[in-house]
N, C-alpha and C. Protein backbone atom coordinates (compact mmCIF):
# COMPACT_ATOMS: atom_id res chain seq x y z
N MET A 1 0.21 -13.32 -3.79
CA MET A 1 -0.57 -12.78 -4.96
C MET A 1 -0.06 -11.48 -5.29
N TYR A 2 -0.15 -10.42 -4.50
CA TYR A 2 0.29 -9.09 -4.79
C TYR A 2 1.61 -8.87 -4.03
N GLU A 3 2.39 -8.03 -4.43
CA GLU A 3 3.55 -7.70 -3.73
C GLU A 3 3.30 -6.93 -2.52
N SER A 4 2.39 -6.01 -2.65
CA SER A 4 1.98 -5.20 -1.55
C SER A 4 0.58 -4.61 -1.80
N SER A 5 -0.14 -4.31 -0.69
CA SER A 5 -1.39 -3.69 -0.74
C SER A 5 -1.22 -2.23 -1.11
N PRO A 6 -2.25 -1.53 -1.61
CA PRO A 6 -2.18 -0.10 -1.78
C PRO A 6 -1.74 0.68 -0.58
N VAL A 7 -2.37 0.23 0.62
CA VAL A 7 -1.89 0.94 1.81
C VAL A 7 -0.43 0.74 2.07
N GLN A 8 0.06 -0.51 1.99
CA GLN A 8 1.48 -0.78 2.06
C GLN A 8 2.30 0.06 1.05
N ALA A 9 1.84 0.23 -0.12
CA ALA A 9 2.48 0.98 -1.18
C ALA A 9 2.66 2.48 -0.70
N ILE A 10 1.55 3.02 -0.19
CA ILE A 10 1.63 4.37 0.28
C ILE A 10 2.49 4.57 1.44
N GLN A 11 2.49 3.59 2.41
CA GLN A 11 3.44 3.50 3.55
C GLN A 11 4.76 3.53 3.12
N ASN A 12 5.07 2.59 2.17
CA ASN A 12 6.57 2.50 1.67
C ASN A 12 6.95 3.75 0.98
N THR A 13 6.05 4.36 0.27
CA THR A 13 6.39 5.64 -0.36
C THR A 13 6.77 6.75 0.66
N ALA A 14 6.01 6.74 1.72
CA ALA A 14 6.26 7.74 2.78
C ALA A 14 7.58 7.46 3.43
N ARG A 15 7.90 6.15 3.60
CA ARG A 15 9.23 5.84 4.15
C ARG A 15 10.39 6.15 3.17
N GLN A 16 10.26 5.98 1.96
CA GLN A 16 11.30 6.18 0.94
C GLN A 16 11.40 7.63 0.69
N GLN A 17 10.42 8.38 0.84
CA GLN A 17 10.60 9.87 0.55
C GLN A 17 11.30 10.53 1.76
N ARG A 18 12.06 11.51 1.53
CA ARG A 18 12.61 12.32 2.53
C ARG A 18 11.41 13.24 3.08
N VAL A 19 10.88 13.08 4.19
CA VAL A 19 9.82 13.77 4.71
C VAL A 19 10.39 14.96 5.39
N PRO A 20 10.16 16.17 4.88
CA PRO A 20 10.69 17.35 5.51
C PRO A 20 9.96 17.56 6.85
N SER A 21 10.68 18.36 7.73
CA SER A 21 10.10 18.77 8.95
C SER A 21 8.76 19.59 8.81
N ALA A 22 7.99 19.82 9.82
CA ALA A 22 6.79 20.62 9.65
C ALA A 22 7.06 21.96 9.25
N SER A 23 8.12 22.57 9.73
CA SER A 23 8.50 23.92 9.39
C SER A 23 9.00 24.06 7.95
N ALA A 24 9.66 22.97 7.41
CA ALA A 24 10.15 22.93 6.14
C ALA A 24 9.02 22.74 5.08
N ARG A 25 7.97 22.13 5.49
CA ARG A 25 6.88 21.80 4.54
C ARG A 25 6.14 23.08 4.20
N GLY A 26 6.29 24.06 5.12
CA GLY A 26 5.59 25.29 4.76
C GLY A 26 3.94 25.09 4.85
N ASN A 27 3.32 25.43 3.76
CA ASN A 27 1.85 25.40 3.71
C ASN A 27 1.37 24.05 3.20
N ALA A 28 2.13 23.10 2.96
CA ALA A 28 1.64 21.77 2.52
C ALA A 28 0.67 21.16 3.56
N SER A 29 -0.57 21.01 3.13
CA SER A 29 -1.61 20.42 4.05
C SER A 29 -1.54 18.92 4.13
N TRP A 30 -2.10 18.17 5.08
CA TRP A 30 -2.12 16.87 5.25
C TRP A 30 -2.74 16.26 3.96
N TYR A 31 -3.74 16.91 3.39
CA TYR A 31 -4.56 16.54 2.32
C TYR A 31 -3.66 16.55 0.96
N SER A 32 -2.76 17.55 0.88
CA SER A 32 -1.80 17.60 -0.16
C SER A 32 -0.64 16.58 -0.12
N GLN A 33 -0.33 16.24 1.10
CA GLN A 33 0.58 15.21 1.40
C GLN A 33 0.17 13.88 1.06
N LEU A 34 -1.23 13.61 1.34
CA LEU A 34 -1.85 12.38 1.12
C LEU A 34 -1.93 12.18 -0.43
N ALA A 35 -2.32 13.23 -1.18
CA ALA A 35 -2.37 13.23 -2.58
C ALA A 35 -1.06 13.00 -3.19
N THR A 36 -0.04 13.55 -2.66
CA THR A 36 1.38 13.26 -3.12
C THR A 36 1.81 11.78 -2.99
N ALA A 37 1.43 11.25 -1.82
CA ALA A 37 1.67 9.78 -1.56
C ALA A 37 0.91 8.90 -2.59
N TRP A 38 -0.34 9.19 -2.73
CA TRP A 38 -1.13 8.37 -3.62
C TRP A 38 -0.50 8.55 -5.05
N GLY A 39 -0.09 9.77 -5.49
CA GLY A 39 0.46 9.90 -6.74
C GLY A 39 1.78 9.16 -6.97
N ALA A 40 2.55 9.10 -5.94
CA ALA A 40 3.87 8.43 -6.03
C ALA A 40 3.53 6.78 -6.08
N ALA A 41 2.49 6.32 -5.40
CA ALA A 41 2.19 4.97 -5.52
C ALA A 41 1.71 4.61 -6.95
N ILE A 42 0.82 5.48 -7.47
CA ILE A 42 0.45 5.32 -8.80
C ILE A 42 1.51 5.32 -9.85
N ASP A 43 2.42 6.32 -9.69
CA ASP A 43 3.64 6.43 -10.54
C ASP A 43 4.46 5.10 -10.60
N ARG A 44 4.72 4.62 -9.37
CA ARG A 44 5.61 3.41 -9.24
C ARG A 44 4.94 2.27 -9.98
N GLN A 45 3.55 2.14 -9.74
CA GLN A 45 2.87 1.01 -10.42
C GLN A 45 2.81 1.19 -11.91
N ALA A 46 2.68 2.46 -12.35
CA ALA A 46 2.63 2.69 -13.79
C ALA A 46 3.96 2.43 -14.48
N ASP A 47 5.02 2.76 -13.70
CA ASP A 47 6.44 2.37 -14.22
C ASP A 47 6.60 0.85 -14.30
N LYS A 48 6.07 0.21 -13.33
CA LYS A 48 6.22 -1.26 -13.26
C LYS A 48 5.34 -1.84 -14.51
N THR A 49 4.25 -1.36 -14.69
CA THR A 49 3.34 -1.86 -15.79
C THR A 49 4.01 -1.55 -17.14
N ALA A 50 4.51 -0.34 -17.22
CA ALA A 50 5.19 0.03 -18.60
C ALA A 50 6.37 -0.79 -18.83
N ALA A 51 7.23 -1.12 -17.80
CA ALA A 51 8.45 -1.93 -17.96
C ALA A 51 7.96 -3.40 -18.36
N LEU A 52 6.95 -3.91 -17.77
CA LEU A 52 6.50 -5.27 -18.16
C LEU A 52 5.94 -5.22 -19.59
N ALA A 53 5.33 -4.19 -20.03
CA ALA A 53 4.68 -4.10 -21.33
C ALA A 53 5.81 -4.00 -22.31
N GLN A 54 6.87 -3.29 -21.98
CA GLN A 54 8.08 -3.06 -22.84
C GLN A 54 8.69 -4.41 -23.16
N GLN A 55 8.84 -5.25 -22.03
CA GLN A 55 9.37 -6.63 -22.26
C GLN A 55 8.44 -7.36 -23.22
N LEU A 56 7.26 -7.21 -23.04
CA LEU A 56 6.33 -8.00 -23.93
C LEU A 56 6.43 -7.52 -25.40
N ALA A 57 6.57 -6.15 -25.48
CA ALA A 57 6.72 -5.63 -26.89
C ALA A 57 8.08 -6.00 -27.56
N GLU A 58 9.03 -6.28 -26.66
CA GLU A 58 10.35 -6.64 -27.26
C GLU A 58 10.51 -8.13 -27.59
N GLY A 59 9.41 -8.88 -27.48
CA GLY A 59 9.39 -10.20 -27.96
C GLY A 59 9.24 -11.25 -26.95
N ASP A 60 9.13 -10.92 -25.75
CA ASP A 60 8.81 -11.90 -24.65
C ASP A 60 7.37 -12.23 -24.73
N ASP A 61 6.99 -13.02 -25.61
CA ASP A 61 5.52 -13.36 -25.83
C ASP A 61 5.09 -14.65 -25.12
N GLU A 62 5.73 -14.95 -24.07
CA GLU A 62 5.28 -16.08 -23.19
C GLU A 62 3.96 -15.75 -22.56
N PRO A 63 3.10 -16.76 -22.42
CA PRO A 63 1.83 -16.38 -21.73
C PRO A 63 1.99 -15.87 -20.36
N ALA A 64 3.13 -16.23 -19.67
CA ALA A 64 3.35 -15.74 -18.34
C ALA A 64 3.65 -14.30 -18.35
N ALA A 65 4.46 -13.74 -19.31
CA ALA A 65 4.75 -12.42 -19.42
C ALA A 65 3.44 -11.51 -19.80
N ALA A 66 2.52 -12.17 -20.62
CA ALA A 66 1.32 -11.37 -20.88
C ALA A 66 0.43 -11.29 -19.59
N LEU A 67 0.43 -12.42 -18.89
CA LEU A 67 -0.36 -12.41 -17.59
C LEU A 67 0.20 -11.42 -16.59
N GLN A 68 1.58 -11.28 -16.57
CA GLN A 68 2.19 -10.29 -15.51
C GLN A 68 1.83 -8.91 -16.02
N VAL A 69 1.71 -8.57 -17.33
CA VAL A 69 1.35 -7.33 -17.78
C VAL A 69 -0.08 -7.00 -17.38
N SER A 70 -0.93 -7.96 -17.54
CA SER A 70 -2.31 -7.84 -17.30
C SER A 70 -2.51 -7.63 -15.70
N ALA A 71 -1.78 -8.44 -14.94
CA ALA A 71 -1.98 -8.26 -13.54
C ALA A 71 -1.44 -6.92 -13.04
N ALA A 72 -0.32 -6.38 -13.67
CA ALA A 72 0.23 -5.10 -13.25
C ALA A 72 -0.81 -4.01 -13.67
N ALA A 73 -1.42 -4.21 -14.80
CA ALA A 73 -2.47 -3.18 -15.21
C ALA A 73 -3.60 -3.15 -14.30
N HIS A 74 -4.07 -4.26 -13.90
CA HIS A 74 -5.12 -4.36 -12.95
C HIS A 74 -4.81 -3.83 -11.63
N GLN A 75 -3.51 -4.01 -11.17
CA GLN A 75 -3.12 -3.38 -9.86
C GLN A 75 -3.12 -1.84 -10.00
N LEU A 76 -2.67 -1.31 -11.24
CA LEU A 76 -2.65 0.05 -11.42
C LEU A 76 -4.19 0.60 -11.36
N ALA A 77 -5.06 -0.05 -12.00
CA ALA A 77 -6.47 0.41 -12.01
C ALA A 77 -6.97 0.33 -10.58
N PHE A 78 -6.62 -0.64 -9.79
CA PHE A 78 -7.06 -0.73 -8.35
C PHE A 78 -6.61 0.37 -7.60
N ILE A 79 -5.27 0.67 -7.70
CA ILE A 79 -4.70 1.80 -6.87
C ILE A 79 -5.29 3.19 -7.29
N SER A 80 -5.47 3.23 -8.67
CA SER A 80 -6.07 4.57 -9.18
C SER A 80 -7.42 4.73 -8.55
N THR A 81 -8.27 3.57 -8.65
CA THR A 81 -9.59 3.68 -8.13
C THR A 81 -9.60 3.99 -6.68
N ALA A 82 -8.84 3.37 -5.91
CA ALA A 82 -8.68 3.53 -4.39
C ALA A 82 -8.32 4.97 -4.17
N ALA A 83 -7.33 5.52 -4.91
CA ALA A 83 -6.81 6.93 -4.67
C ALA A 83 -8.08 7.93 -5.03
N ALA A 84 -8.72 7.69 -6.00
CA ALA A 84 -9.78 8.59 -6.41
C ALA A 84 -11.05 8.43 -5.31
N THR A 85 -11.40 7.27 -4.89
CA THR A 85 -12.35 7.08 -3.97
C THR A 85 -11.96 7.67 -2.69
N ALA A 86 -10.72 7.52 -2.24
CA ALA A 86 -10.36 8.14 -0.97
C ALA A 86 -10.39 9.65 -1.01
N SER A 87 -9.85 10.16 -2.04
CA SER A 87 -9.87 11.64 -2.25
C SER A 87 -11.29 12.12 -2.26
N ASN A 88 -12.21 11.52 -3.02
CA ASN A 88 -13.59 11.97 -3.02
C ASN A 88 -14.29 11.86 -1.68
N SER A 89 -14.07 10.74 -0.99
CA SER A 89 -14.64 10.66 0.38
C SER A 89 -14.18 11.60 1.33
N ILE A 90 -12.94 11.86 1.39
CA ILE A 90 -12.38 12.92 2.18
C ILE A 90 -12.93 14.37 1.87
N GLY A 91 -12.97 14.60 0.55
CA GLY A 91 -13.52 15.90 0.11
C GLY A 91 -14.94 16.04 0.59
N GLN A 92 -15.80 15.00 0.40
CA GLN A 92 -17.17 15.10 0.78
C GLN A 92 -17.24 15.27 2.28
N ALA A 93 -16.52 14.59 3.07
CA ALA A 93 -16.52 14.75 4.54
C ALA A 93 -16.12 16.14 4.94
N LEU A 94 -15.10 16.72 4.33
CA LEU A 94 -14.73 18.02 4.62
C LEU A 94 -15.76 19.05 4.21
N GLU A 95 -16.38 18.80 3.14
CA GLU A 95 -17.53 19.71 2.69
C GLU A 95 -18.67 19.64 3.74
N ALA A 96 -19.05 18.41 4.09
CA ALA A 96 -20.16 18.29 5.07
C ALA A 96 -19.77 19.04 6.47
N LEU A 97 -18.47 18.76 6.79
CA LEU A 97 -17.97 19.53 8.05
C LEU A 97 -18.08 20.95 7.90
N GLY A 98 -17.63 21.49 6.74
CA GLY A 98 -17.78 22.94 6.57
C GLY A 98 -19.12 23.49 6.56
N ARG A 99 -20.13 22.78 6.15
CA ARG A 99 -21.47 23.14 6.22
C ARG A 99 -22.04 23.21 7.64
N LYS A 100 -21.60 22.31 8.41
CA LYS A 100 -22.07 22.23 9.89
C LYS A 100 -21.58 23.37 10.70
N GLN A 101 -20.57 23.97 10.27
CA GLN A 101 -19.82 25.09 11.15
C GLN A 101 -20.42 26.42 10.82
């Protein structure tokens, strides 16, 4: 069905990127690194969606091509929603933790 799940996409992004050592990262928090990984996954899916849409615009008007664009757009929406939900949930948890201290 799907080439990879959003979690696999994030894991693949982390593997593909050159992850600097802890000392080289400086002040980059784990939360910032997580947001960077989500952003990279969204960028990859957006690029894939745009490439498929470009093929459709160039005259590949087969139903299969239109379905691929639609599927890629839905995957992009899913990844974007998952990233936003994860970010909001983590933010709320950190806020609650901060109030308890």
